[in-house]
Amino acid sequence: MEIVIGIIGAFVGAFSYFLLIKIKNKSKSNLIIEDAKKEAEQIRKEKILQAKEKFIELKAEHEKEIVKKNNDINNASQRVKQKENTLNQKLAEVNKKDSKIKQIQSSIQVQKSILEKKEDELDKLHKRQVEDLEQISNLSAEQAKEQLIETLKDKAKTEALDIIQKTIEEAKLTAKQDARKIVIQTIQRIATEEAIENSVSVFNIDNDAVKGRIIGREGRNIRALEAATGVDIIVDDTPGAIIISCFDSVRREIARLSLHKLVTDGRIHPARIEEVVSKTKNEIEDEIIQIGKKTTIDLGIHGLHPELIKMVGRMRYRSSYGQNLLQHSRETANLCATMAAELGLNTQYAKRAGLLHDIGKVSADDAETPHAIIGMKMAEKFGEKNEVCNAIGAHHDEIEMTSLISPLVQVCDGVSGARPGARRAIVDEYIKRIKELEETAMGYPGVSNSYAIQAGRELRVVVESEKVNDDMASKLSFQISDKIQNEMTYPGQVKVTVIRETRAVSYAK
């Protein structure tokens, strides 16, 4: 019983403690809630204040933008008003100018009518004066005109005779100089163009069995020969011939002579080939120098640089259109000397320039430069005179001519190359090109005849004067030259001359 009472008492005590704790916690929670409510109210008031401040700021910014836009609108409206005022002013000025123009036009009309009246009065006055003159002179207007023309003719003849006499006297004073200019300008037009040179030589053999020995075992002999001479040796089915191909004519000559020695000796192997080629080179070099010296002695040219003498000798192994280059240069030198003597120029300079004008063709340097420029540079390098150097460089119009010797060399070069039999030409191809040249012009309307002259370097086209006027003739000349340039192949240049003439023919019976 006491135990039960003790348990109950303990339970009641624990329950009382629990209630006491609960009551205490409830009072604490109420305090916390009240504090939270106060804090929330404080935060709400702060947020409301912040929102009001933000609203005030936005409102102020909005008002500023509105004020700015209003200002812009006002400025724009002011500019529009200013432009409108300017346009109104300009319109007023235009109206004033229109009124002035109308006034001027009306005054012009009035003046025009006055002028027409004055012209009529002048015509009447002129007719009256002519009638009075006819009555005074007892001559009609036509008769007076004829007498005046006769008087003017006599006076003109007298003045013309005086002018002719003065011209003849002046011409006598300057005849020599003028004659030189005329001759030089005339011969300058006949220069011809240089063309391609030969690039192959033929070595003749008696027996085709020699070809095998020249080729050698597995081709060692022919390879050694090509390497030593610098040429291409072509051994094919051509009977009795071996082709030696090279752009350098001296190398071709060395190879030809070496082959001749090897075939004659019979010993053909790489070591022997090198020995023979070396000896042949030395022989050719000596021969070149001797040929150059002999040429200068024959022409009476002294003081030539040894290198230029060697270049002159090398021309012996070069040809142009089948014409030996050294022979061509000798002919040119002699022609230049003869013509220079006739014109009173320096014959020594002319002769040197004529001999050296093609030395650029035997130079192995700078293959892309024209041979005239190469020759000029070589002459300058080895101390030739300026007149000689200019003549060498200008003989194909590569540079401007600065002395009378230059056109002299140009024309003598053309004479030497153009003489009958000097150069190889295929007649059929020449005739065909001439015919094509003439037929090209005949295809245009208004052309009556066409003639190719000066070996095809000039085309003269005769047109009908009734169908082709002066402007059309100039246009036709350009069209024909353009067609020739685009459709035909020809050396040098072709001059196209369109001839339009009107002839009046009468007979005295």
Protein backbone atom coordinates (compact mmCIF):
# COMPACT_ATOMS: atom_id res chain seq x y z
CA MET A 1 0.00 0.00 0.00
CA GLU A 2 2.74 2.33 0.83
CA ILE A 3 4.44 1.38 -2.39
CA VAL A 4 1.28 2.23 -4.37
CA ILE A 5 0.92 5.47 -2.56
CA GLY A 6 4.57 6.22 -3.24
CA ILE A 7 4.13 5.52 -6.94
CA ILE A 8 1.03 7.68 -7.15
CA GLY A 9 2.77 10.42 -5.32
CA ALA A 10 5.72 10.20 -7.69
CA PHE A 11 3.41 10.28 -10.67
CA VAL A 12 1.52 13.31 -9.36
CA GLY A 13 4.81 15.08 -8.74
CA ALA A 14 6.05 14.36 -12.26
CA PHE A 15 2.78 15.52 -13.79
CA SER A 16 2.93 18.73 -11.80
CA TYR A 17 6.47 19.36 -13.02
CA PHE A 18 5.45 18.75 -16.54
CA LEU A 19 2.55 21.22 -16.31
CA LEU A 20 4.84 23.80 -14.79
CA ILE A 21 7.34 23.46 -17.62
CA LYS A 22 4.58 23.71 -20.22
CA ILE A 23 3.21 26.87 -18.66
CA LYS A 24 6.66 28.40 -18.72
CA ASN A 25 7.24 27.47 -22.40
CA LYS A 26 3.89 28.95 -23.41
CA SER A 27 4.75 32.26 -21.86
CA LYS A 28 8.09 32.26 -23.71
CA SER A 29 6.46 31.48 -27.06
CA ASN A 30 4.00 34.31 -26.61
CA LEU A 31 6.87 36.66 -26.04
CA ILE A 32 8.65 35.41 -29.16
CA ILE A 33 5.50 35.83 -31.27
CA GLU A 34 5.01 39.36 -30.04
CA ASP A 35 8.64 40.20 -30.84
CA ALA A 36 8.26 38.71 -34.32
CA LYS A 37 5.11 40.71 -34.94
CA LYS A 38 6.87 43.92 -33.90
CA GLU A 39 9.85 43.14 -36.12
CA ALA A 40 7.60 42.32 -39.09
CA GLU A 41 5.74 45.58 -38.63
CA GLN A 42 9.03 47.44 -38.58
CA ILE A 43 10.23 45.71 -41.78
CA ARG A 44 6.89 46.45 -43.49
CA LYS A 45 7.19 50.14 -42.67
CA GLU A 46 10.79 50.23 -44.00
CA LYS A 47 9.80 48.49 -47.27
CA ILE A 48 6.92 50.92 -47.74
CA LEU A 49 9.34 53.83 -47.25
CA GLN A 50 11.78 52.31 -49.73
CA ALA A 51 9.02 51.76 -52.30
CA LYS A 52 7.87 55.35 -51.89
CA GLU A 53 11.45 56.63 -52.37
CA LYS A 54 11.91 54.44 -55.52
CA PHE A 55 8.60 55.68 -56.90
CA ILE A 56 9.64 59.26 -56.33
CA GLU A 57 12.97 58.64 -58.13
CA LEU A 58 11.27 56.97 -61.12
CA LYS A 59 8.75 59.75 -61.29
CA ALA A 60 11.53 62.36 -61.32
CA GLU A 61 13.40 60.52 -64.10
CA HIS A 62 10.21 60.20 -66.12
CA GLU A 63 9.53 63.89 -65.77
CA LYS A 64 13.10 64.65 -66.91
CA GLU A 65 12.64 62.48 -70.03
CA ILE A 66 9.35 64.16 -70.80
CA VAL A 67 11.02 67.57 -70.48
CA LYS A 68 13.88 66.46 -72.74
CA LYS A 69 11.52 65.10 -75.42
CA ASN A 70 9.51 68.30 -75.27
CA ASN A 71 12.70 70.29 -75.80
CA ASP A 72 13.67 68.09 -78.76
CA ILE A 73 10.22 68.52 -80.26
CA ASN A 74 10.44 72.27 -79.82
CA ASN A 75 13.91 72.37 -81.43
CA ALA A 76 12.72 70.26 -84.34
CA SER A 77 9.70 72.45 -84.87
CA GLN A 78 11.97 75.51 -84.84
CA ARG A 79 14.26 73.96 -87.47
CA VAL A 80 11.26 73.09 -89.60
CA LYS A 81 10.04 76.65 -89.33
CA GLN A 82 13.49 77.96 -90.31
CA LYS A 83 13.63 75.66 -93.34
CA GLU A 84 10.15 76.69 -94.32
CA ASN A 85 11.17 80.33 -94.10
CA THR A 86 14.30 79.62 -96.20
CA LEU A 87 12.26 77.81 -98.83
CA ASN A 88 9.81 80.65 -98.94
CA GLN A 89 12.66 83.10 -99.47
CA LYS A 90 14.17 80.96 -102.24
CA LEU A 91 10.78 80.57 -103.87
CA ALA A 92 10.39 84.33 -103.81
CA GLU A 93 13.84 84.73 -105.42
CA VAL A 94 12.95 82.17 -108.11
CA ASN A 95 9.76 84.05 -108.85
CA LYS A 96 11.74 87.27 -109.15
CA LYS A 97 14.23 85.60 -111.55
CA ASP A 98 11.37 84.17 -113.62
CA SER A 99 9.89 87.62 -113.95
CA LYS A 100 13.31 89.03 -114.94
CA ILE A 101 13.76 86.26 -117.53
CA LYS A 102 10.38 87.01 -119.01
CA GLN A 103 11.30 90.69 -119.19
CA ILE A 104 14.62 89.83 -120.89
CA GLN A 105 12.88 87.52 -123.38
CA SER A 106 10.37 90.22 -124.23
CA SER A 107 13.22 92.73 -124.72
CA ILE A 108 15.08 90.21 -126.91
CA GLN A 109 12.01 89.79 -129.06
CA VAL A 110 11.77 93.53 -129.44
CA GLN A 111 15.47 93.84 -130.34
CA LYS A 112 15.17 90.92 -132.77
CA SER A 113 12.34 92.62 -134.59
CA ILE A 114 14.37 95.85 -134.69
CA LEU A 115 17.39 93.96 -136.09
CA GLU A 116 15.27 92.32 -138.75
CA LYS A 117 13.99 95.72 -139.82
CA LYS A 118 17.55 97.08 -139.91
CA GLU A 119 18.72 94.08 -141.98
CA ASP A 120 15.96 94.74 -144.49
CA GLU A 121 16.97 98.38 -144.64
CA LEU A 122 20.64 97.42 -145.11
CA ASP A 123 19.76 95.01 -147.93
CA LYS A 124 17.78 97.73 -149.68
CA LEU A 125 20.62 100.21 -149.15
CA HIS A 126 23.19 97.68 -150.48
CA LYS A 127 21.10 97.05 -153.61
CA ARG A 128 20.73 100.79 -154.16
CA GLN A 129 24.51 101.31 -153.80
CA VAL A 130 25.22 98.44 -156.23
CA GLU A 131 22.87 100.00 -158.77
CA ASP A 132 24.52 103.40 -158.32
CA LEU A 133 27.99 101.84 -158.79
CA GLU A 134 26.84 100.02 -161.92
CA GLN A 135 25.51 103.30 -163.36
CA ILE A 136 28.74 105.17 -162.51
CA SER A 137 31.16 102.49 -163.80
CA ASN A 138 28.99 101.32 -166.71
CA LEU A 139 29.72 97.73 -165.48
CA SER A 140 27.44 95.07 -164.09
CA ALA A 141 28.20 93.35 -160.78
CA GLU A 142 29.39 90.18 -162.56
CA GLN A 143 31.70 92.13 -164.83
CA ALA A 144 33.16 94.05 -161.88
CA LYS A 145 33.67 90.76 -160.04
CA GLU A 146 35.53 89.26 -162.99
CA GLN A 147 37.80 92.29 -163.27
CA LEU A 148 38.53 92.13 -159.54
CA ILE A 149 39.36 88.41 -159.78
CA GLU A 150 41.74 89.02 -162.68
CA THR A 151 43.46 91.80 -160.75
CA LEU A 152 43.80 89.59 -157.67
CA LYS A 153 45.15 86.73 -159.77
CA ASP A 154 47.90 88.91 -161.24
CA LYS A 155 48.79 90.22 -157.80
CA ALA A 156 48.78 86.73 -156.32
CA LYS A 157 51.06 85.42 -159.09
CA THR A 158 53.51 88.22 -158.49
CA GLU A 159 53.56 87.58 -154.73
CA ALA A 160 53.83 83.83 -155.29
CA LEU A 161 56.85 84.29 -157.56
CA ASP A 162 58.49 86.44 -154.91
CA ILE A 163 57.82 83.81 -152.26
CA ILE A 164 59.14 81.03 -154.51
CA GLN A 165 62.29 83.00 -155.25
CA LYS A 166 62.91 83.64 -151.55
CA THR A 167 62.24 79.97 -150.74
CA ILE A 168 64.71 78.82 -153.39
CA GLU A 169 67.37 81.17 -152.04
CA GLU A 170 66.81 79.91 -148.49
CA ALA A 171 66.86 76.30 -149.72
CA LYS A 172 70.20 76.86 -151.40
CA LEU A 173 71.65 78.04 -148.11
CA THR A 174 70.35 75.00 -146.18
CA ALA A 175 70.27 72.44 -149.02
CA LYS A 176 73.04 70.23 -147.67
CA GLN A 177 71.54 69.88 -144.21
CA ASP A 178 68.02 69.41 -145.54
CA ALA A 179 69.23 66.82 -148.02
CA ARG A 180 70.81 64.84 -145.21
CA LYS A 181 67.58 64.90 -143.21
CA ILE A 182 65.48 63.86 -146.22
CA VAL A 183 67.80 60.98 -147.12
CA ILE A 184 67.97 59.75 -143.53
CA GLN A 185 64.19 59.96 -143.06
CA THR A 186 63.62 58.14 -146.35
CA ILE A 187 66.04 55.26 -145.82
CA GLN A 188 64.94 54.87 -142.21
CA ARG A 189 61.62 53.43 -143.41
CA ILE A 190 63.06 50.39 -145.18
CA ALA A 191 64.63 48.57 -142.21
CA THR A 192 63.77 44.89 -141.91
CA GLU A 193 63.22 42.71 -138.86
CA GLU A 194 65.64 40.04 -137.65
CA ALA A 195 64.34 36.47 -137.48
CA ILE A 196 65.16 33.08 -136.05
CA GLU A 197 68.55 31.42 -136.48
CA ASN A 198 69.45 27.85 -137.46
CA SER A 199 69.72 25.40 -134.61
CA VAL A 200 70.85 22.15 -136.31
CA SER A 201 73.84 20.91 -138.28
CA VAL A 202 74.13 17.75 -140.37
CA PHE A 203 77.18 15.47 -140.17
CA ASN A 204 77.42 13.32 -143.28
CA ILE A 205 78.81 9.77 -143.08
CA ASP A 206 79.76 7.32 -145.80
CA ASN A 207 78.50 4.19 -144.08
CA ASP A 208 75.59 3.71 -141.68
CA ALA A 209 77.69 1.19 -139.75
CA VAL A 210 79.53 4.15 -138.26
CA LYS A 211 76.34 5.06 -136.36
CA GLY A 212 76.73 2.03 -134.11
CA ARG A 213 80.31 2.92 -133.27
CA ILE A 214 79.29 6.51 -132.50
CA ILE A 215 76.54 5.27 -130.16
CA GLY A 216 78.88 2.77 -128.48
CA ARG A 217 78.09 0.01 -126.05
CA GLU A 218 74.86 0.87 -124.21
CA GLY A 219 75.17 4.42 -125.61
CA ARG A 220 78.29 5.37 -123.63
CA ASN A 221 80.07 7.02 -126.59
CA ILE A 222 77.18 9.26 -127.61
CA ARG A 223 76.52 10.24 -123.98
CA ALA A 224 80.19 11.16 -123.51
CA LEU A 225 80.14 13.18 -126.74
CA GLU A 226 76.99 15.06 -125.76
CA ALA A 227 78.36 15.78 -122.28
CA ALA A 228 81.69 17.05 -123.64
CA THR A 229 80.25 19.27 -126.39
CA GLY A 230 76.93 20.36 -124.86
CA VAL A 231 74.86 19.44 -127.93
CA ASP A 232 72.15 16.91 -128.71
CA ILE A 233 73.20 14.22 -131.21
CA ILE A 234 70.31 12.56 -133.03
CA VAL A 235 71.07 9.21 -134.67
CA ASP A 236 67.97 7.96 -136.49
CA ASP A 237 67.05 6.09 -139.66
CA THR A 238 68.12 8.97 -141.94
CA PRO A 239 70.64 7.38 -144.31
CA GLY A 240 74.13 8.88 -144.41
CA ALA A 241 73.47 11.63 -141.86
CA ILE A 242 73.66 12.38 -138.15
CA ILE A 243 71.83 15.43 -136.77
CA ILE A 244 73.64 17.78 -134.34
CA SER A 245 71.16 20.04 -132.52
CA CYS A 246 72.06 23.07 -130.40
CA PHE A 247 71.23 26.78 -130.29
CA ASP A 248 74.94 27.64 -129.91
CA SER A 249 76.46 27.44 -133.39
CA VAL A 250 80.02 27.25 -132.01
CA ARG A 251 79.16 24.17 -129.99
CA ARG A 252 77.60 22.61 -133.09
CA GLU A 253 80.80 23.30 -135.04
CA ILE A 254 82.96 21.80 -132.26
CA ALA A 255 80.78 18.69 -132.21
CA ARG A 256 80.87 18.41 -136.02
CA LEU A 257 84.66 18.70 -136.23
CA SER A 258 85.12 16.34 -133.28
CA LEU A 259 82.89 13.73 -134.95
CA HIS A 260 84.85 14.13 -138.17
CA LYS A 261 88.16 13.54 -136.37
CA LEU A 262 86.82 10.58 -134.40
CA VAL A 263 85.31 8.88 -137.45
CA THR A 264 88.48 9.50 -139.50
CA ASP A 265 90.74 8.20 -136.73
CA GLY A 266 88.49 5.20 -135.99
CA ARG A 267 89.18 5.19 -132.26
CA ILE A 268 85.88 6.11 -130.59
CA HIS A 269 85.65 5.71 -126.81
CA PRO A 270 84.91 8.12 -123.89
CA ALA A 271 88.56 8.96 -123.10
CA ARG A 272 89.39 9.60 -126.75
CA ILE A 273 86.21 11.66 -127.15
CA GLU A 274 87.17 13.99 -124.28
CA GLU A 275 90.68 14.42 -125.70
CA VAL A 276 89.47 15.22 -129.23
CA VAL A 277 86.74 17.60 -128.03
CA SER A 278 89.24 19.50 -125.85
CA LYS A 279 91.66 19.93 -128.76
CA THR A 280 88.86 20.97 -131.10
CA LYS A 281 87.65 23.60 -128.66
CA ASN A 282 91.11 25.14 -128.49
CA GLU A 283 91.38 25.09 -132.28
CA ILE A 284 87.98 26.74 -132.69
CA GLU A 285 88.82 29.44 -130.13
CA ASP A 286 92.06 30.23 -131.98
CA GLU A 287 90.24 30.22 -135.30
CA ILE A 288 87.56 32.57 -133.95
CA ILE A 289 90.20 35.06 -132.83
CA GLN A 290 91.99 34.85 -136.18
CA ILE A 291 88.74 35.37 -138.10
CA GLY A 292 87.89 38.41 -135.94
CA LYS A 293 91.36 39.93 -136.45
CA LYS A 294 91.30 39.29 -140.21
CA THR A 295 87.84 40.90 -140.48
CA THR A 296 88.88 44.06 -138.63
CA ILE A 297 92.08 44.33 -140.71
CA ASP A 298 90.16 43.89 -143.97
CA LEU A 299 87.68 46.62 -142.96
CA GLY A 300 90.39 48.97 -141.68
CA ILE A 301 89.02 49.05 -138.13
CA HIS A 302 91.63 49.60 -135.44
CA GLY A 303 91.65 49.64 -131.64
CA LEU A 304 88.83 47.11 -131.20
CA HIS A 305 88.77 45.39 -127.80
CA PRO A 306 89.96 41.72 -127.86
CA GLU A 307 86.61 40.52 -126.51
CA LEU A 308 84.78 42.32 -129.30
CA ILE A 309 87.21 40.81 -131.83
CA LYS A 310 86.34 37.39 -130.45
CA MET A 311 82.61 38.15 -130.76
CA VAL A 312 83.15 39.20 -134.38
CA GLY A 313 84.88 35.87 -135.04
CA ARG A 314 82.01 33.96 -133.44
CA MET A 315 79.64 35.48 -135.99
CA ARG A 316 81.33 33.26 -138.59
CA TYR A 317 79.41 30.31 -137.12
CA ARG A 318 76.03 32.02 -136.94
CA SER A 319 73.43 32.51 -139.68
CA SER A 320 70.17 34.43 -140.02
CA TYR A 321 67.57 33.33 -142.58
CA GLY A 322 70.35 31.30 -144.22
CA GLN A 323 72.62 34.37 -144.45
CA ASN A 324 75.97 34.10 -142.69
CA LEU A 325 76.04 36.63 -139.85
CA LEU A 326 79.68 37.64 -140.33
CA GLN A 327 79.18 38.18 -144.04
CA HIS A 328 76.04 40.20 -143.30
CA SER A 329 77.93 42.36 -140.77
CA ARG A 330 80.79 42.96 -143.23
CA GLU A 331 78.33 44.03 -145.91
CA THR A 332 76.55 46.32 -143.45
CA ALA A 333 79.87 47.89 -142.39
CA ASN A 334 80.86 48.58 -146.01
CA LEU A 335 77.43 50.00 -146.84
CA CYS A 336 77.52 52.23 -143.75
CA ALA A 337 80.97 53.55 -144.65
CA THR A 338 79.93 54.31 -148.23
CA MET A 339 76.69 56.05 -147.26
CA ALA A 340 78.36 57.97 -144.41
CA ALA A 341 80.95 59.27 -146.88
CA GLU A 342 78.19 60.43 -149.22
CA LEU A 343 76.37 62.20 -146.38
CA GLY A 344 79.49 63.74 -144.87
CA LEU A 345 79.36 61.72 -141.65
CA ASN A 346 82.14 59.97 -139.70
CA THR A 347 82.95 56.88 -141.78
CA GLN A 348 84.98 55.14 -139.04
CA TYR A 349 82.13 55.34 -136.52
CA ALA A 350 79.65 54.18 -139.16
CA LYS A 351 81.87 51.23 -140.14
CA ARG A 352 82.41 50.12 -136.51
CA ALA A 353 78.68 50.36 -135.78
CA GLY A 354 77.85 48.39 -138.93
CA LEU A 355 80.27 45.59 -138.03
CA LEU A 356 79.21 45.37 -134.38
CA HIS A 357 75.45 45.93 -134.77
CA ASP A 358 74.60 42.19 -134.43
CA ILE A 359 77.18 41.04 -131.84
CA GLY A 360 74.33 40.59 -129.37
CA LYS A 361 73.22 37.56 -131.39
CA VAL A 362 76.37 35.60 -130.52
CA SER A 363 76.21 36.37 -126.80
CA ALA A 364 75.01 33.61 -124.49
CA ASP A 365 74.00 36.04 -121.74
CA ASP A 366 70.43 37.18 -120.95
CA ALA A 367 68.47 35.41 -123.69
CA GLU A 368 65.30 37.38 -122.85
CA THR A 369 66.86 40.77 -123.75
CA PRO A 370 66.79 41.88 -127.45
CA HIS A 371 70.10 41.32 -129.21
CA ALA A 372 70.40 45.03 -130.06
CA ILE A 373 70.36 45.97 -126.35
CA ILE A 374 72.82 43.19 -125.49
CA GLY A 375 75.18 44.39 -128.22
CA MET A 376 74.90 48.00 -127.05
CA LYS A 377 75.75 47.01 -123.46
CA MET A 378 78.76 44.98 -124.62
CA ALA A 379 80.01 47.89 -126.74
CA GLU A 380 79.64 50.27 -123.78
CA LYS A 381 81.45 47.79 -121.54
CA PHE A 382 84.45 47.58 -123.88
CA GLY A 383 84.84 51.33 -124.43
CA GLU A 384 83.12 52.08 -127.75
CA LYS A 385 81.98 55.65 -128.54
CA ASN A 386 78.47 56.81 -127.64
CA GLU A 387 77.52 57.21 -131.32
CA VAL A 388 78.52 53.59 -132.04
CA CYS A 389 76.70 52.25 -128.96
CA ASN A 390 73.52 54.15 -129.79
CA ALA A 391 73.59 52.90 -133.39
CA ILE A 392 73.93 49.29 -132.19
CA GLY A 393 71.08 49.61 -129.66
CA ALA A 394 68.73 51.54 -131.97
CA HIS A 395 69.04 49.58 -135.23
CA HIS A 396 65.76 47.77 -134.42
CA ASP A 397 64.15 50.81 -132.71
CA GLU A 398 64.73 49.31 -129.25
CA ILE A 399 65.93 52.70 -128.01
CA GLU A 400 65.68 56.27 -129.31
CA MET A 401 68.15 57.34 -131.99
CA THR A 402 70.44 60.19 -130.92
CA SER A 403 72.81 60.50 -133.91
CA LEU A 404 72.62 60.33 -137.72
CA ILE A 405 74.73 57.15 -137.71
CA SER A 406 71.91 55.22 -136.00
CA PRO A 407 69.37 55.35 -138.87
CA LEU A 408 72.27 54.77 -141.26
CA VAL A 409 73.08 51.42 -139.59
CA GLN A 410 69.39 50.56 -139.51
CA VAL A 411 68.91 51.06 -143.25
CA CYS A 412 72.19 49.36 -144.24
CA ASP A 413 71.21 46.36 -142.12
CA GLY A 414 67.96 46.23 -144.08
CA VAL A 415 69.72 46.61 -147.44
CA SER A 416 72.14 43.77 -146.69
CA GLY A 417 69.36 41.44 -145.60
CA ALA A 418 66.92 42.40 -148.34
CA ARG A 419 69.19 42.10 -151.39
CA PRO A 420 68.23 39.28 -153.82
CA GLY A 421 69.59 35.92 -152.74
CA ALA A 422 70.82 37.13 -149.34
CA ARG A 423 68.28 35.30 -147.22
CA ARG A 424 66.26 32.16 -147.53
CA ALA A 425 62.54 32.69 -148.15
CA ILE A 426 59.75 30.44 -149.34
CA VAL A 427 58.13 32.10 -152.35
CA ASP A 428 54.81 30.30 -152.05
CA GLU A 429 54.33 31.35 -148.43
CA TYR A 430 55.32 34.92 -149.30
CA ILE A 431 52.78 35.12 -152.14
CA LYS A 432 50.10 33.54 -149.97
CA ARG A 433 50.67 36.11 -147.21
CA ILE A 434 50.52 38.99 -149.71
CA LYS A 435 47.22 37.69 -151.13
CA GLU A 436 45.71 37.24 -147.66
CA LEU A 437 46.76 40.79 -146.82
CA GLU A 438 45.02 42.21 -149.89
CA GLU A 439 41.89 40.05 -149.44
CA THR A 440 41.56 41.21 -145.84
CA ALA A 441 40.96 44.78 -147.01
CA MET A 442 38.67 43.80 -149.90
CA GLY A 443 36.09 42.42 -147.46
CA TYR A 444 35.07 45.90 -146.25
CA PRO A 445 32.30 47.92 -147.98
CA GLY A 446 33.40 50.83 -150.15
CA VAL A 447 36.86 49.34 -150.93
CA SER A 448 37.60 49.27 -154.67
CA ASN A 449 41.23 48.01 -154.68
CA SER A 450 44.00 47.03 -152.27
CA TYR A 451 47.73 46.70 -152.92
CA ALA A 452 50.38 45.13 -150.67
CA ILE A 453 53.70 46.90 -151.25
CA GLN A 454 57.19 46.99 -149.70
CA ALA A 455 57.31 43.20 -149.35
CA GLY A 456 54.04 43.19 -147.41
CA ARG A 457 55.06 45.85 -144.90
CA GLU A 458 52.50 48.34 -146.23
CA LEU A 459 48.92 47.89 -147.44
CA ARG A 460 47.36 50.64 -149.54
CA VAL A 461 43.57 50.56 -149.75
CA VAL A 462 41.74 52.58 -152.41
CA VAL A 463 38.10 53.42 -151.51
CA GLU A 464 35.24 54.94 -153.46
CA SER A 465 34.89 58.61 -152.52
CA GLU A 466 31.10 58.54 -153.01
CA LYS A 467 30.62 55.74 -150.46
CA VAL A 468 33.37 56.52 -147.92
CA ASN A 469 33.88 59.98 -146.40
CA ASP A 470 36.98 61.21 -144.53
CA ASP A 471 35.78 60.08 -141.11
CA MET A 472 34.86 56.64 -142.43
CA ALA A 473 38.28 56.36 -144.11
CA SER A 474 40.05 56.93 -140.80
CA LYS A 475 37.80 54.38 -139.09
CA LEU A 476 38.33 51.88 -141.93
CA SER A 477 42.12 52.17 -141.61
CA PHE A 478 41.91 51.32 -137.90
CA GLN A 479 39.53 48.38 -138.49
CA ILE A 480 41.75 46.83 -141.18
CA SER A 481 44.93 47.19 -139.11
CA ASP A 482 43.19 45.69 -136.09
CA LYS A 483 41.97 42.71 -138.13
CA ILE A 484 45.45 42.11 -139.58
CA GLN A 485 46.98 42.26 -136.10
CA ASN A 486 44.50 39.76 -134.65
CA GLU A 487 44.18 37.28 -137.53
CA MET A 488 47.52 37.21 -139.38
CA THR A 489 51.12 36.30 -138.57
CA TYR A 490 53.79 38.55 -140.07
CA PRO A 491 57.27 39.92 -139.25
CA GLY A 492 57.62 43.51 -138.09
CA GLN A 493 54.66 45.81 -138.67
CA VAL A 494 52.18 46.49 -141.47
CA LYS A 495 51.26 50.06 -142.32
CA VAL A 496 47.66 50.48 -143.55
CA THR A 497 47.02 53.53 -145.76
CA VAL A 498 43.45 54.29 -146.91
CA ILE A 499 43.36 56.49 -150.03
CA ARG A 500 40.22 58.49 -150.87
CA GLU A 501 40.37 60.93 -153.74
CA THR A 502 38.04 62.85 -156.05
CA ARG A 503 39.18 63.45 -159.61
CA ALA A 504 37.80 66.06 -162.00
CA VAL A 505 38.78 65.38 -165.66
CA SER A 506 38.18 67.62 -168.65
CA TYR A 507 39.62 67.73 -172.15
CA ALA A 508 40.75 70.72 -174.22
CA LYS A 509 39.85 70.24 -177.89
